[in-house]
Amino acid sequence: MKKSLFYTIIFPAILLIHNIAFAENPPPPGLPDDPVAAPIDSFVYILFAFGIIFGFYIIGKRNKSKP
């Protein structure tokens, strides 16, 4: 009896209260909905080149240290 009471009344009530408590309000009028997107891949090729150079550096350093 107690388990069925929990699953039919108390558990859904807890979920409902949780959803209401963490609901987001709509943005106030006059403000833009989404910020302007900034490009995140502007200089990816430079990072890629440095990664390859660093990889060759580490491999060369490991090969020199082996007898």
N, C-alpha and C. Protein backbone atom coordinates (compact mmCIF):
# COMPACT_ATOMS: atom_id res chain seq x y z
N MET A 1 0.82 -1.20 0.00
CA MET A 1 0.00 0.00 0.00
C MET A 1 0.87 1.26 0.00
N LYS A 2 1.89 1.27 0.81
CA LYS A 2 2.73 2.47 0.91
C LYS A 2 3.51 2.70 -0.39
N LYS A 3 3.97 1.62 -1.05
CA LYS A 3 4.71 1.78 -2.28
C LYS A 3 3.82 2.34 -3.39
N SER A 4 2.62 1.84 -3.48
CA SER A 4 1.72 2.33 -4.52
C SER A 4 1.34 3.78 -4.28
N LEU A 5 1.20 4.19 -3.03
CA LEU A 5 0.92 5.59 -2.70
C LEU A 5 2.08 6.47 -3.14
N PHE A 6 3.28 5.99 -2.88
CA PHE A 6 4.46 6.77 -3.27
C PHE A 6 4.53 6.95 -4.78
N TYR A 7 4.34 5.86 -5.54
CA TYR A 7 4.47 5.93 -6.99
C TYR A 7 3.32 6.65 -7.67
N THR A 8 2.15 6.70 -7.07
CA THR A 8 1.01 7.33 -7.73
C THR A 8 0.79 8.78 -7.33
N ILE A 9 1.20 9.17 -6.12
CA ILE A 9 0.91 10.53 -5.66
C ILE A 9 2.17 11.33 -5.33
N ILE A 10 3.00 10.80 -4.50
CA ILE A 10 4.13 11.59 -3.98
C ILE A 10 5.21 11.78 -5.04
N PHE A 11 5.61 10.74 -5.75
CA PHE A 11 6.67 10.85 -6.75
C PHE A 11 6.30 11.82 -7.88
N PRO A 12 5.12 11.75 -8.48
CA PRO A 12 4.77 12.75 -9.50
C PRO A 12 4.69 14.16 -8.94
N ALA A 13 4.27 14.30 -7.69
CA ALA A 13 4.21 15.63 -7.08
C ALA A 13 5.62 16.21 -6.92
N ILE A 14 6.57 15.37 -6.54
CA ILE A 14 7.95 15.84 -6.40
C ILE A 14 8.50 16.27 -7.76
N LEU A 15 8.23 15.51 -8.81
CA LEU A 15 8.70 15.88 -10.15
C LEU A 15 8.05 17.18 -10.62
N LEU A 16 6.78 17.35 -10.35
CA LEU A 16 6.08 18.56 -10.75
C LEU A 16 6.64 19.78 -10.03
N ILE A 17 6.89 19.67 -8.74
CA ILE A 17 7.45 20.79 -7.98
C ILE A 17 8.85 21.12 -8.49
N HIS A 18 9.64 20.10 -8.79
CA HIS A 18 10.99 20.32 -9.31
C HIS A 18 10.94 21.06 -10.64
N ASN A 19 10.05 20.67 -11.53
CA ASN A 19 9.95 21.33 -12.84
C ASN A 19 9.47 22.76 -12.71
N ILE A 20 8.58 23.03 -11.81
CA ILE A 20 8.09 24.40 -11.62
C ILE A 20 9.17 25.27 -11.00
N ALA A 21 9.94 24.72 -10.07
CA ALA A 21 10.95 25.51 -9.36
C ALA A 21 12.09 25.93 -10.28
N PHE A 22 12.43 25.09 -11.27
CA PHE A 22 13.57 25.39 -12.12
C PHE A 22 13.17 25.85 -13.52
N ALA A 23 11.95 26.26 -13.71
CA ALA A 23 11.50 26.77 -15.01
C ALA A 23 12.12 28.14 -15.25
N GLU A 24 12.46 28.42 -16.51
CA GLU A 24 13.06 29.70 -16.87
C GLU A 24 11.98 30.69 -17.28
N ASN A 25 12.16 31.91 -16.88
CA ASN A 25 11.24 32.97 -17.28
C ASN A 25 11.61 33.45 -18.69
N PRO A 26 10.65 33.95 -19.44
CA PRO A 26 10.98 34.50 -20.76
C PRO A 26 11.80 35.78 -20.59
N PRO A 27 12.61 36.13 -21.59
CA PRO A 27 13.42 37.34 -21.48
C PRO A 27 12.53 38.58 -21.45
N PRO A 28 12.98 39.63 -20.77
CA PRO A 28 12.18 40.85 -20.73
C PRO A 28 12.08 41.48 -22.13
N PRO A 29 11.02 42.22 -22.38
CA PRO A 29 10.86 42.82 -23.72
C PRO A 29 11.95 43.86 -23.99
N GLY A 30 12.37 43.94 -25.22
CA GLY A 30 13.37 44.92 -25.61
C GLY A 30 14.77 44.35 -25.69
N LEU A 31 15.00 43.19 -25.09
CA LEU A 31 16.32 42.57 -25.15
C LEU A 31 16.33 41.53 -26.26
N PRO A 32 17.46 41.37 -26.94
CA PRO A 32 17.51 40.34 -27.99
C PRO A 32 17.44 38.95 -27.37
N ASP A 33 16.86 38.03 -28.10
CA ASP A 33 16.72 36.67 -27.59
C ASP A 33 18.05 35.94 -27.54
N ASP A 34 18.82 36.00 -28.61
CA ASP A 34 20.09 35.29 -28.68
C ASP A 34 21.22 36.29 -28.89
N PRO A 35 22.36 36.09 -28.22
CA PRO A 35 23.51 36.97 -28.47
C PRO A 35 24.09 36.69 -29.86
N VAL A 36 24.87 37.62 -30.34
CA VAL A 36 25.50 37.47 -31.65
C VAL A 36 26.54 36.37 -31.54
N ALA A 37 26.51 35.46 -32.46
CA ALA A 37 27.42 34.32 -32.44
C ALA A 37 28.82 34.76 -32.87
N ALA A 38 29.82 34.29 -32.16
CA ALA A 38 31.21 34.58 -32.49
C ALA A 38 31.82 33.35 -33.16
N PRO A 39 32.65 33.53 -34.16
CA PRO A 39 33.26 32.37 -34.80
C PRO A 39 34.27 31.70 -33.87
N ILE A 40 34.23 30.38 -33.82
CA ILE A 40 35.16 29.67 -32.94
C ILE A 40 36.24 28.96 -33.72
N ASP A 41 36.19 29.03 -35.04
CA ASP A 41 37.17 28.32 -35.85
C ASP A 41 38.02 29.28 -36.69
N SER A 42 38.32 30.46 -36.16
CA SER A 42 39.05 31.45 -36.92
C SER A 42 40.48 31.01 -37.21
N PHE A 43 41.19 30.53 -36.21
CA PHE A 43 42.61 30.20 -36.36
C PHE A 43 42.87 28.74 -36.02
N VAL A 44 41.98 27.86 -36.42
CA VAL A 44 42.14 26.45 -36.13
C VAL A 44 43.34 25.88 -36.86
N TYR A 45 43.60 26.33 -38.05
CA TYR A 45 44.72 25.80 -38.81
C TYR A 45 46.06 26.10 -38.13
N ILE A 46 46.16 27.22 -37.43
CA ILE A 46 47.39 27.53 -36.70
C ILE A 46 47.57 26.58 -35.53
N LEU A 47 46.49 26.33 -34.79
CA LEU A 47 46.56 25.38 -33.69
C LEU A 47 46.89 23.98 -34.19
N PHE A 48 46.33 23.60 -35.32
CA PHE A 48 46.61 22.30 -35.91
C PHE A 48 48.09 22.19 -36.29
N ALA A 49 48.66 23.23 -36.88
CA ALA A 49 50.07 23.22 -37.26
C ALA A 49 50.97 23.14 -36.03
N PHE A 50 50.64 23.90 -34.99
CA PHE A 50 51.44 23.83 -33.76
C PHE A 50 51.33 22.45 -33.11
N GLY A 51 50.17 21.82 -33.21
CA GLY A 51 50.01 20.48 -32.66
C GLY A 51 50.88 19.47 -33.38
N ILE A 52 50.95 19.57 -34.71
CA ILE A 52 51.80 18.66 -35.48
C ILE A 52 53.26 18.90 -35.16
N ILE A 53 53.67 20.16 -35.08
CA ILE A 53 55.07 20.49 -34.76
C ILE A 53 55.41 19.99 -33.36
N PHE A 54 54.52 20.19 -32.41
CA PHE A 54 54.77 19.73 -31.04
C PHE A 54 54.83 18.20 -30.99
N GLY A 55 54.00 17.54 -31.76
CA GLY A 55 54.04 16.07 -31.81
C GLY A 55 55.37 15.56 -32.33
N PHE A 56 55.88 16.17 -33.42
CA PHE A 56 57.19 15.78 -33.92
C PHE A 56 58.30 16.07 -32.91
N TYR A 57 58.17 17.16 -32.18
CA TYR A 57 59.16 17.51 -31.15
C TYR A 57 59.18 16.45 -30.05
N ILE A 58 58.02 16.04 -29.58
CA ILE A 58 57.94 15.04 -28.51
C ILE A 58 58.47 13.69 -29.00
N ILE A 59 58.10 13.28 -30.22
CA ILE A 59 58.58 12.01 -30.76
C ILE A 59 60.09 12.05 -30.92
N GLY A 60 60.64 13.15 -31.43
CA GLY A 60 62.10 13.28 -31.57
C GLY A 60 62.80 13.27 -30.23
N LYS A 61 62.22 13.89 -29.24
CA LYS A 61 62.82 13.92 -27.91
C LYS A 61 62.83 12.52 -27.28
N ARG A 62 61.79 11.76 -27.49
CA ARG A 62 61.74 10.39 -26.95
C ARG A 62 62.73 9.48 -27.66
N ASN A 63 62.91 9.66 -28.96
CA ASN A 63 63.85 8.82 -29.70
C ASN A 63 65.29 9.12 -29.32
N LYS A 64 65.62 10.36 -28.98
CA LYS A 64 66.99 10.70 -28.57
C LYS A 64 67.33 10.14 -27.22
N SER A 65 66.35 10.03 -26.32
CA SER A 65 66.63 9.58 -24.97
C SER A 65 66.79 8.06 -24.88
N LYS A 66 66.35 7.31 -25.91
CA LYS A 66 66.50 5.85 -25.88
C LYS A 66 67.93 5.48 -26.27
N PRO A 67 68.52 4.49 -25.55
CA PRO A 67 69.89 4.09 -25.88
C PRO A 67 70.00 3.24 -27.12
